[in-house]
All heavy atoms as atom14 arrays in JSON, in Angstrom:
{
  "sequence": "APQKDKEEQLSVIEASINKIISEVSELAHYTRLNFTGFIKIV",
  "atom14_mask": [
    [1, 1, 1, 1, 1, 0, 0, 0, 0, 0, 0, 0, 0, 0],
    [1, 1, 1, 1, 1, 1, 1, 0, 0, 0, 0, 0, 0, 0],
    [1, 1, 1, 1, 1, 1, 1, 1, 1, 0, 0, 0, 0, 0],
    [1, 1, 1, 1, 1, 1, 1, 1, 1, 0, 0, 0, 0, 0],
    [1, 1, 1, 1, 1, 1, 1, 1, 0, 0, 0, 0, 0, 0],
    [1, 1, 1, 1, 1, 1, 1, 1, 1, 0, 0, 0, 0, 0],
    [1, 1, 1, 1, 1, 1, 1, 1, 1, 0, 0, 0, 0, 0],
    [1, 1, 1, 1, 1, 1, 1, 1, 1, 0, 0, 0, 0, 0],
    [1, 1, 1, 1, 1, 1, 1, 1, 1, 0, 0, 0, 0, 0],
    [1, 1, 1, 1, 1, 1, 1, 1, 0, 0, 0, 0, 0, 0],
    [1, 1, 1, 1, 1, 1, 0, 0, 0, 0, 0, 0, 0, 0],
    [1, 1, 1, 1, 1, 1, 1, 0, 0, 0, 0, 0, 0, 0],
    [1, 1, 1, 1, 1, 1, 1, 1, 0, 0, 0, 0, 0, 0],
    [1, 1, 1, 1, 1, 1, 1, 1, 1, 0, 0, 0, 0, 0],
    [1, 1, 1, 1, 1, 0, 0, 0, 0, 0, 0, 0, 0, 0],
    [1, 1, 1, 1, 1, 1, 0, 0, 0, 0, 0, 0, 0, 0],
    [1, 1, 1, 1, 1, 1, 1, 1, 0, 0, 0, 0, 0, 0],
    [1, 1, 1, 1, 1, 1, 1, 1, 0, 0, 0, 0, 0, 0],
    [1, 1, 1, 1, 1, 1, 1, 1, 1, 0, 0, 0, 0, 0],
    [1, 1, 1, 1, 1, 1, 1, 1, 0, 0, 0, 0, 0, 0],
    [1, 1, 1, 1, 1, 1, 1, 1, 0, 0, 0, 0, 0, 0],
    [1, 1, 1, 1, 1, 1, 0, 0, 0, 0, 0, 0, 0, 0],
    [1, 1, 1, 1, 1, 1, 1, 1, 1, 0, 0, 0, 0, 0],
    [1, 1, 1, 1, 1, 1, 1, 0, 0, 0, 0, 0, 0, 0],
    [1, 1, 1, 1, 1, 1, 0, 0, 0, 0, 0, 0, 0, 0],
    [1, 1, 1, 1, 1, 1, 1, 1, 1, 0, 0, 0, 0, 0],
    [1, 1, 1, 1, 1, 1, 1, 1, 0, 0, 0, 0, 0, 0],
    [1, 1, 1, 1, 1, 0, 0, 0, 0, 0, 0, 0, 0, 0],
    [1, 1, 1, 1, 1, 1, 1, 1, 1, 1, 0, 0, 0, 0],
    [1, 1, 1, 1, 1, 1, 1, 1, 1, 1, 1, 1, 0, 0],
    [1, 1, 1, 1, 1, 1, 1, 0, 0, 0, 0, 0, 0, 0],
    [1, 1, 1, 1, 1, 1, 1, 1, 1, 1, 1, 0, 0, 0],
    [1, 1, 1, 1, 1, 1, 1, 1, 0, 0, 0, 0, 0, 0],
    [1, 1, 1, 1, 1, 1, 1, 1, 0, 0, 0, 0, 0, 0],
    [1, 1, 1, 1, 1, 1, 1, 1, 1, 1, 1, 0, 0, 0],
    [1, 1, 1, 1, 1, 1, 1, 0, 0, 0, 0, 0, 0, 0],
    [1, 1, 1, 1, 0, 0, 0, 0, 0, 0, 0, 0, 0, 0],
    [1, 1, 1, 1, 1, 1, 1, 1, 1, 1, 1, 0, 0, 0],
    [1, 1, 1, 1, 1, 1, 1, 1, 0, 0, 0, 0, 0, 0],
    [1, 1, 1, 1, 1, 1, 1, 1, 1, 0, 0, 0, 0, 0],
    [1, 1, 1, 1, 1, 1, 1, 1, 0, 0, 0, 0, 0, 0],
    [1, 1, 1, 1, 1, 1, 1, 0, 0, 0, 0, 0, 0, 0]
  ],
  "atom14_positions": [
    [[91.25, 26.99, 236.91], [91.67, 25.87, 236.11], [93.2, 25.72, 236.09], [93.83, 26.68, 236.33], [91.13, 26.0, 234.69], [0.0, 0.0, 0.0], [0.0, 0.0, 0.0], [0.0, 0.0, 0.0], [0.0, 0.0, 0.0], [0.0, 0.0, 0.0], [0.0, 0.0, 0.0], [0.0, 0.0, 0.0], [0.0, 0.0, 0.0], [0.0, 0.0, 0.0]],
    [[93.63, 24.53, 235.91], [95.24, 24.41, 235.68], [95.71, 25.23, 234.66], [95.05, 25.44, 233.68], [95.41, 23.01, 235.52], [94.01, 22.35, 235.89], [92.93, 23.38, 235.76], [0.0, 0.0, 0.0], [0.0, 0.0, 0.0], [0.0, 0.0, 0.0], [0.0, 0.0, 0.0], [0.0, 0.0, 0.0], [0.0, 0.0, 0.0], [0.0, 0.0, 0.0]],
    [[96.91, 25.71, 234.86], [97.7, 26.55, 233.79], [97.56, 25.84, 232.47], [97.42, 26.55, 231.46], [99.04, 26.79, 234.3], [99.8, 27.82, 233.39], [99.06, 29.13, 233.51], [98.56, 29.54, 234.46], [99.23, 30.04, 232.57], [0.0, 0.0, 0.0], [0.0, 0.0, 0.0], [0.0, 0.0, 0.0], [0.0, 0.0, 0.0], [0.0, 0.0, 0.0]],
    [[97.79, 24.6, 232.29], [97.91, 23.89, 231.02], [96.5, 24.11, 230.35], [96.44, 24.28, 229.09], [98.17, 22.4, 231.19], [98.19, 21.6, 229.79], [98.66, 20.32, 230.16], [98.65, 19.65, 228.78], [98.96, 18.26, 228.89], [0.0, 0.0, 0.0], [0.0, 0.0, 0.0], [0.0, 0.0, 0.0], [0.0, 0.0, 0.0], [0.0, 0.0, 0.0]],
    [[95.28, 24.02, 231.14], [94.01, 24.12, 230.48], [93.84, 25.58, 229.99], [93.15, 25.71, 229.06], [92.88, 23.72, 231.54], [92.92, 22.26, 231.78], [93.56, 21.52, 231.02], [92.25, 22.0, 232.86], [0.0, 0.0, 0.0], [0.0, 0.0, 0.0], [0.0, 0.0, 0.0], [0.0, 0.0, 0.0], [0.0, 0.0, 0.0], [0.0, 0.0, 0.0]],
    [[94.36, 26.38, 230.84], [94.08, 28.0, 230.46], [94.91, 28.12, 229.22], [94.46, 28.85, 228.26], [94.62, 28.87, 231.62], [93.85, 28.87, 232.84], [94.32, 29.88, 233.75], [93.46, 29.98, 235.0], [93.88, 31.05, 235.92], [0.0, 0.0, 0.0], [0.0, 0.0, 0.0], [0.0, 0.0, 0.0], [0.0, 0.0, 0.0], [0.0, 0.0, 0.0]],
    [[96.07, 27.69, 229.14], [96.92, 27.9, 227.89], [96.2, 27.24, 226.64], [96.27, 27.88, 225.6], [98.34, 27.23, 228.02], [99.21, 27.94, 229.05], [100.44, 27.31, 229.39], [100.77, 26.31, 228.7], [101.23, 27.85, 230.11], [0.0, 0.0, 0.0], [0.0, 0.0, 0.0], [0.0, 0.0, 0.0], [0.0, 0.0, 0.0], [0.0, 0.0, 0.0]],
    [[95.58, 26.12, 226.79], [94.95, 25.58, 225.61], [93.81, 26.39, 225.2], [93.47, 26.58, 224.0], [94.44, 24.12, 226.03], [95.47, 23.15, 226.05], [94.99, 21.77, 226.45], [93.83, 21.53, 226.76], [95.95, 20.86, 226.66], [0.0, 0.0, 0.0], [0.0, 0.0, 0.0], [0.0, 0.0, 0.0], [0.0, 0.0, 0.0], [0.0, 0.0, 0.0]],
    [[93.02, 26.88, 226.2], [91.96, 27.71, 225.92], [92.34, 29.13, 225.16], [91.79, 29.65, 224.31], [91.1, 28.09, 227.07], [90.28, 26.86, 227.74], [89.7, 27.18, 229.02], [90.22, 28.03, 229.84], [88.71, 26.38, 229.33], [0.0, 0.0, 0.0], [0.0, 0.0, 0.0], [0.0, 0.0, 0.0], [0.0, 0.0, 0.0], [0.0, 0.0, 0.0]],
    [[93.41, 29.57, 225.79], [94.0, 30.85, 225.19], [94.49, 30.6, 223.72], [94.48, 31.56, 222.92], [95.11, 31.43, 226.09], [94.63, 31.99, 227.45], [95.78, 32.38, 228.28], [93.79, 33.3, 227.12], [0.0, 0.0, 0.0], [0.0, 0.0, 0.0], [0.0, 0.0, 0.0], [0.0, 0.0, 0.0], [0.0, 0.0, 0.0], [0.0, 0.0, 0.0]],
    [[95.01, 29.52, 223.58], [95.51, 29.28, 222.13], [94.31, 29.16, 221.08], [94.43, 29.7, 219.97], [96.32, 27.93, 221.98], [95.61, 26.82, 222.16], [0.0, 0.0, 0.0], [0.0, 0.0, 0.0], [0.0, 0.0, 0.0], [0.0, 0.0, 0.0], [0.0, 0.0, 0.0], [0.0, 0.0, 0.0], [0.0, 0.0, 0.0], [0.0, 0.0, 0.0]],
    [[93.15, 28.72, 221.6], [91.9, 28.65, 220.61], [91.52, 30.12, 220.37], [91.18, 30.49, 219.36], [90.83, 27.83, 221.41], [89.52, 28.02, 220.59], [91.32, 26.46, 221.41], [0.0, 0.0, 0.0], [0.0, 0.0, 0.0], [0.0, 0.0, 0.0], [0.0, 0.0, 0.0], [0.0, 0.0, 0.0], [0.0, 0.0, 0.0], [0.0, 0.0, 0.0]],
    [[91.61, 31.02, 221.48], [91.11, 32.43, 221.39], [92.12, 33.11, 220.46], [91.7, 33.89, 219.69], [91.05, 33.02, 222.8], [89.94, 32.47, 223.51], [90.67, 34.53, 222.57], [89.84, 32.68, 225.13], [0.0, 0.0, 0.0], [0.0, 0.0, 0.0], [0.0, 0.0, 0.0], [0.0, 0.0, 0.0], [0.0, 0.0, 0.0], [0.0, 0.0, 0.0]],
    [[93.45, 32.74, 220.63], [94.45, 33.3, 219.85], [94.27, 33.12, 218.26], [94.37, 34.01, 217.51], [95.91, 32.92, 220.12], [96.97, 33.58, 219.44], [98.36, 32.99, 219.85], [98.51, 32.04, 220.43], [99.28, 33.7, 219.39], [0.0, 0.0, 0.0], [0.0, 0.0, 0.0], [0.0, 0.0, 0.0], [0.0, 0.0, 0.0], [0.0, 0.0, 0.0]],
    [[93.78, 31.93, 218.02], [93.52, 31.62, 216.59], [92.23, 32.43, 216.16], [92.33, 32.95, 214.96], [93.17, 30.05, 216.45], [0.0, 0.0, 0.0], [0.0, 0.0, 0.0], [0.0, 0.0, 0.0], [0.0, 0.0, 0.0], [0.0, 0.0, 0.0], [0.0, 0.0, 0.0], [0.0, 0.0, 0.0], [0.0, 0.0, 0.0], [0.0, 0.0, 0.0]],
    [[91.22, 32.57, 216.98], [90.13, 33.38, 216.55], [90.48, 34.86, 216.31], [90.09, 35.57, 215.51], [88.95, 33.26, 217.44], [89.25, 33.81, 218.68], [0.0, 0.0, 0.0], [0.0, 0.0, 0.0], [0.0, 0.0, 0.0], [0.0, 0.0, 0.0], [0.0, 0.0, 0.0], [0.0, 0.0, 0.0], [0.0, 0.0, 0.0], [0.0, 0.0, 0.0]],
    [[91.49, 35.4, 217.25], [92.0, 36.8, 217.15], [92.92, 36.86, 215.87], [92.67, 37.93, 215.1], [92.8, 37.15, 218.3], [91.86, 37.29, 219.54], [93.52, 38.4, 218.07], [92.58, 37.48, 220.82], [0.0, 0.0, 0.0], [0.0, 0.0, 0.0], [0.0, 0.0, 0.0], [0.0, 0.0, 0.0], [0.0, 0.0, 0.0], [0.0, 0.0, 0.0]],
    [[93.53, 35.95, 215.47], [94.36, 36.01, 214.17], [93.33, 36.05, 212.96], [93.63, 36.77, 212.0], [95.33, 34.89, 214.18], [96.38, 34.94, 215.03], [96.82, 36.11, 215.4], [97.1, 33.76, 215.33], [0.0, 0.0, 0.0], [0.0, 0.0, 0.0], [0.0, 0.0, 0.0], [0.0, 0.0, 0.0], [0.0, 0.0, 0.0], [0.0, 0.0, 0.0]],
    [[92.3, 35.36, 213.06], [91.24, 35.35, 211.94], [90.56, 36.8, 211.94], [90.44, 37.18, 210.88], [90.13, 34.26, 212.33], [89.23, 34.16, 211.12], [88.33, 32.94, 211.35], [87.31, 32.8, 210.1], [85.95, 33.04, 210.29], [0.0, 0.0, 0.0], [0.0, 0.0, 0.0], [0.0, 0.0, 0.0], [0.0, 0.0, 0.0], [0.0, 0.0, 0.0]],
    [[90.31, 37.37, 213.12], [89.7, 38.65, 213.09], [90.76, 39.74, 212.5], [90.33, 40.58, 211.7], [89.43, 39.17, 214.58], [88.29, 38.25, 215.09], [89.01, 40.66, 214.61], [88.05, 38.36, 216.65], [0.0, 0.0, 0.0], [0.0, 0.0, 0.0], [0.0, 0.0, 0.0], [0.0, 0.0, 0.0], [0.0, 0.0, 0.0], [0.0, 0.0, 0.0]],
    [[91.99, 39.6, 212.84], [93.02, 40.44, 212.31], [93.04, 40.27, 210.82], [93.13, 41.34, 210.07], [94.45, 40.23, 213.02], [94.34, 40.66, 214.38], [95.49, 40.83, 212.23], [95.56, 40.14, 215.26], [0.0, 0.0, 0.0], [0.0, 0.0, 0.0], [0.0, 0.0, 0.0], [0.0, 0.0, 0.0], [0.0, 0.0, 0.0], [0.0, 0.0, 0.0]],
    [[92.96, 39.06, 210.38], [92.92, 38.9, 208.99], [91.83, 39.53, 208.2], [91.94, 40.1, 207.18], [93.02, 37.34, 208.64], [92.8, 37.13, 207.26], [0.0, 0.0, 0.0], [0.0, 0.0, 0.0], [0.0, 0.0, 0.0], [0.0, 0.0, 0.0], [0.0, 0.0, 0.0], [0.0, 0.0, 0.0], [0.0, 0.0, 0.0], [0.0, 0.0, 0.0]],
    [[90.6, 39.47, 208.88], [89.45, 40.04, 208.18], [89.53, 41.58, 208.34], [88.98, 42.16, 207.41], [88.21, 39.68, 209.01], [87.59, 38.38, 208.26], [85.98, 38.17, 208.66], [85.24, 39.17, 208.27], [85.75, 37.12, 209.2], [0.0, 0.0, 0.0], [0.0, 0.0, 0.0], [0.0, 0.0, 0.0], [0.0, 0.0, 0.0], [0.0, 0.0, 0.0]],
    [[90.13, 42.13, 209.35], [90.34, 43.52, 209.37], [91.2, 43.97, 208.14], [90.93, 45.05, 207.5], [90.89, 44.02, 210.67], [91.46, 45.49, 210.6], [90.0, 43.94, 211.77], [0.0, 0.0, 0.0], [0.0, 0.0, 0.0], [0.0, 0.0, 0.0], [0.0, 0.0, 0.0], [0.0, 0.0, 0.0], [0.0, 0.0, 0.0], [0.0, 0.0, 0.0]],
    [[92.18, 43.29, 207.92], [93.0, 43.6, 206.73], [92.3, 43.46, 205.47], [92.47, 44.25, 204.6], [94.33, 42.5, 206.74], [95.03, 42.74, 205.63], [0.0, 0.0, 0.0], [0.0, 0.0, 0.0], [0.0, 0.0, 0.0], [0.0, 0.0, 0.0], [0.0, 0.0, 0.0], [0.0, 0.0, 0.0], [0.0, 0.0, 0.0], [0.0, 0.0, 0.0]],
    [[91.5, 42.48, 205.37], [90.69, 42.22, 204.12], [89.68, 43.36, 204.05], [89.45, 43.78, 202.81], [89.92, 40.99, 204.24], [90.79, 39.65, 203.99], [90.06, 38.28, 204.37], [89.01, 38.36, 204.97], [90.79, 37.22, 203.95], [0.0, 0.0, 0.0], [0.0, 0.0, 0.0], [0.0, 0.0, 0.0], [0.0, 0.0, 0.0], [0.0, 0.0, 0.0]],
    [[89.07, 43.84, 205.15], [88.19, 45.03, 205.1], [88.91, 46.18, 204.64], [88.31, 46.93, 203.93], [87.54, 45.16, 206.3], [86.41, 46.17, 206.36], [85.25, 45.74, 205.35], [85.84, 46.18, 207.88], [0.0, 0.0, 0.0], [0.0, 0.0, 0.0], [0.0, 0.0, 0.0], [0.0, 0.0, 0.0], [0.0, 0.0, 0.0], [0.0, 0.0, 0.0]],
    [[90.09, 46.35, 205.1], [90.87, 47.61, 204.69], [91.22, 47.54, 203.12], [91.03, 48.53, 202.45], [92.23, 47.58, 205.4], [0.0, 0.0, 0.0], [0.0, 0.0, 0.0], [0.0, 0.0, 0.0], [0.0, 0.0, 0.0], [0.0, 0.0, 0.0], [0.0, 0.0, 0.0], [0.0, 0.0, 0.0], [0.0, 0.0, 0.0], [0.0, 0.0, 0.0]],
    [[91.53, 46.28, 202.63], [91.79, 46.18, 201.17], [90.36, 46.4, 200.38], [90.45, 47.05, 199.34], [92.11, 44.73, 201.06], [92.52, 44.5, 199.52], [93.56, 45.02, 198.78], [91.76, 43.66, 198.6], [93.51, 44.56, 197.45], [92.36, 43.72, 197.35], [0.0, 0.0, 0.0], [0.0, 0.0, 0.0], [0.0, 0.0, 0.0], [0.0, 0.0, 0.0]],
    [[89.32, 45.83, 200.86], [87.98, 46.08, 200.36], [87.7, 47.62, 200.29], [87.23, 48.06, 199.27], [86.96, 45.34, 201.19], [85.37, 45.78, 200.92], [84.75, 45.03, 200.05], [84.92, 46.85, 201.67], [83.35, 45.49, 199.72], [83.55, 47.08, 201.36], [82.8, 46.42, 200.44], [81.46, 46.87, 200.15], [0.0, 0.0, 0.0], [0.0, 0.0, 0.0]],
    [[88.02, 48.31, 201.42], [87.66, 49.76, 201.47], [88.51, 50.61, 200.41], [87.99, 51.41, 199.61], [87.82, 50.26, 202.8], [86.99, 49.56, 203.7], [87.6, 51.82, 202.89], [0.0, 0.0, 0.0], [0.0, 0.0, 0.0], [0.0, 0.0, 0.0], [0.0, 0.0, 0.0], [0.0, 0.0, 0.0], [0.0, 0.0, 0.0], [0.0, 0.0, 0.0]],
    [[89.81, 50.27, 200.36], [90.72, 50.92, 199.35], [90.23, 50.59, 197.96], [90.22, 51.55, 197.1], [92.12, 50.48, 199.54], [92.8, 51.15, 200.8], [94.31, 50.79, 200.78], [94.61, 49.47, 200.81], [94.68, 48.63, 201.75], [94.47, 49.04, 203.01], [95.04, 47.36, 201.67], [0.0, 0.0, 0.0], [0.0, 0.0, 0.0], [0.0, 0.0, 0.0]],
    [[89.88, 49.45, 197.58], [89.59, 49.0, 196.18], [88.19, 49.81, 195.78], [88.23, 50.34, 194.73], [89.34, 47.59, 196.19], [89.59, 46.87, 194.84], [90.69, 47.21, 194.22], [89.46, 45.35, 195.07], [0.0, 0.0, 0.0], [0.0, 0.0, 0.0], [0.0, 0.0, 0.0], [0.0, 0.0, 0.0], [0.0, 0.0, 0.0], [0.0, 0.0, 0.0]],
    [[87.25, 49.8, 196.88], [86.06, 50.49, 196.38], [86.21, 52.01, 196.39], [85.69, 52.65, 195.41], [84.93, 50.09, 197.44], [84.33, 48.89, 197.13], [83.56, 48.61, 196.23], [84.62, 47.81, 197.98], [0.0, 0.0, 0.0], [0.0, 0.0, 0.0], [0.0, 0.0, 0.0], [0.0, 0.0, 0.0], [0.0, 0.0, 0.0], [0.0, 0.0, 0.0]],
    [[87.03, 52.47, 197.27], [87.14, 53.95, 197.19], [87.85, 54.39, 195.87], [87.48, 55.35, 195.32], [88.18, 54.38, 198.32], [88.48, 55.84, 198.39], [87.64, 56.76, 198.92], [89.6, 56.31, 197.89], [87.87, 58.15, 199.03], [89.94, 57.73, 197.82], [89.06, 58.63, 198.46], [0.0, 0.0, 0.0], [0.0, 0.0, 0.0], [0.0, 0.0, 0.0]],
    [[88.78, 53.54, 195.37], [89.49, 53.71, 194.12], [88.45, 53.73, 193.02], [88.41, 54.53, 192.17], [90.68, 52.74, 193.83], [91.58, 52.94, 194.96], [91.32, 52.99, 192.52], [0.0, 0.0, 0.0], [0.0, 0.0, 0.0], [0.0, 0.0, 0.0], [0.0, 0.0, 0.0], [0.0, 0.0, 0.0], [0.0, 0.0, 0.0], [0.0, 0.0, 0.0]],
    [[87.68, 52.64, 193.15], [86.56, 52.6, 192.09], [85.58, 53.72, 191.96], [85.34, 54.15, 190.92], [0.0, 0.0, 0.0], [0.0, 0.0, 0.0], [0.0, 0.0, 0.0], [0.0, 0.0, 0.0], [0.0, 0.0, 0.0], [0.0, 0.0, 0.0], [0.0, 0.0, 0.0], [0.0, 0.0, 0.0], [0.0, 0.0, 0.0], [0.0, 0.0, 0.0]],
    [[85.28, 54.35, 193.2], [84.39, 55.48, 193.04], [85.06, 56.7, 192.51], [84.5, 57.44, 191.7], [83.73, 55.77, 194.49], [82.83, 54.87, 194.9], [82.91, 53.91, 195.98], [81.56, 54.82, 194.17], [81.95, 53.08, 196.46], [80.45, 54.05, 194.63], [80.68, 53.01, 195.68], [0.0, 0.0, 0.0], [0.0, 0.0, 0.0], [0.0, 0.0, 0.0]],
    [[86.39, 56.92, 192.9], [87.07, 57.98, 192.35], [87.16, 57.83, 190.83], [87.05, 58.85, 190.13], [88.5, 58.1, 192.99], [88.35, 58.32, 194.51], [89.4, 59.13, 192.41], [87.7, 59.53, 194.87], [0.0, 0.0, 0.0], [0.0, 0.0, 0.0], [0.0, 0.0, 0.0], [0.0, 0.0, 0.0], [0.0, 0.0, 0.0], [0.0, 0.0, 0.0]],
    [[87.55, 56.57, 190.46], [87.75, 56.57, 188.99], [86.46, 56.6, 188.21], [86.43, 57.16, 187.02], [88.4, 55.01, 188.72], [89.82, 55.16, 189.1], [90.65, 53.87, 188.65], [92.03, 53.9, 188.86], [92.73, 54.85, 188.03], [0.0, 0.0, 0.0], [0.0, 0.0, 0.0], [0.0, 0.0, 0.0], [0.0, 0.0, 0.0], [0.0, 0.0, 0.0]],
    [[85.42, 56.1, 188.67], [84.14, 56.17, 187.91], [83.57, 57.61, 187.88], [83.06, 58.07, 186.83], [83.01, 55.13, 188.48], [81.94, 54.86, 187.41], [82.32, 55.82, 189.73], [82.45, 54.14, 186.22], [0.0, 0.0, 0.0], [0.0, 0.0, 0.0], [0.0, 0.0, 0.0], [0.0, 0.0, 0.0], [0.0, 0.0, 0.0], [0.0, 0.0, 0.0]],
    [[83.82, 58.42, 188.94], [83.5, 59.81, 188.98], [84.44, 60.59, 187.92], [83.84, 61.25, 187.1], [83.53, 60.43, 190.23], [83.42, 62.01, 190.29], [82.4, 59.87, 191.15], [0.0, 0.0, 0.0], [0.0, 0.0, 0.0], [0.0, 0.0, 0.0], [0.0, 0.0, 0.0], [0.0, 0.0, 0.0], [0.0, 0.0, 0.0], [0.0, 0.0, 0.0]]
  ]
}
């Protein structure tokens, strides 16, 4: 495909990768919050 088409497709993938990175961060926060909760309840 022409370079311009490839760049457009890659920008769509980049947006999905950014969403994945955001969810990884949210999952890390979820894990820390729950870990703290278990330590505190024990």
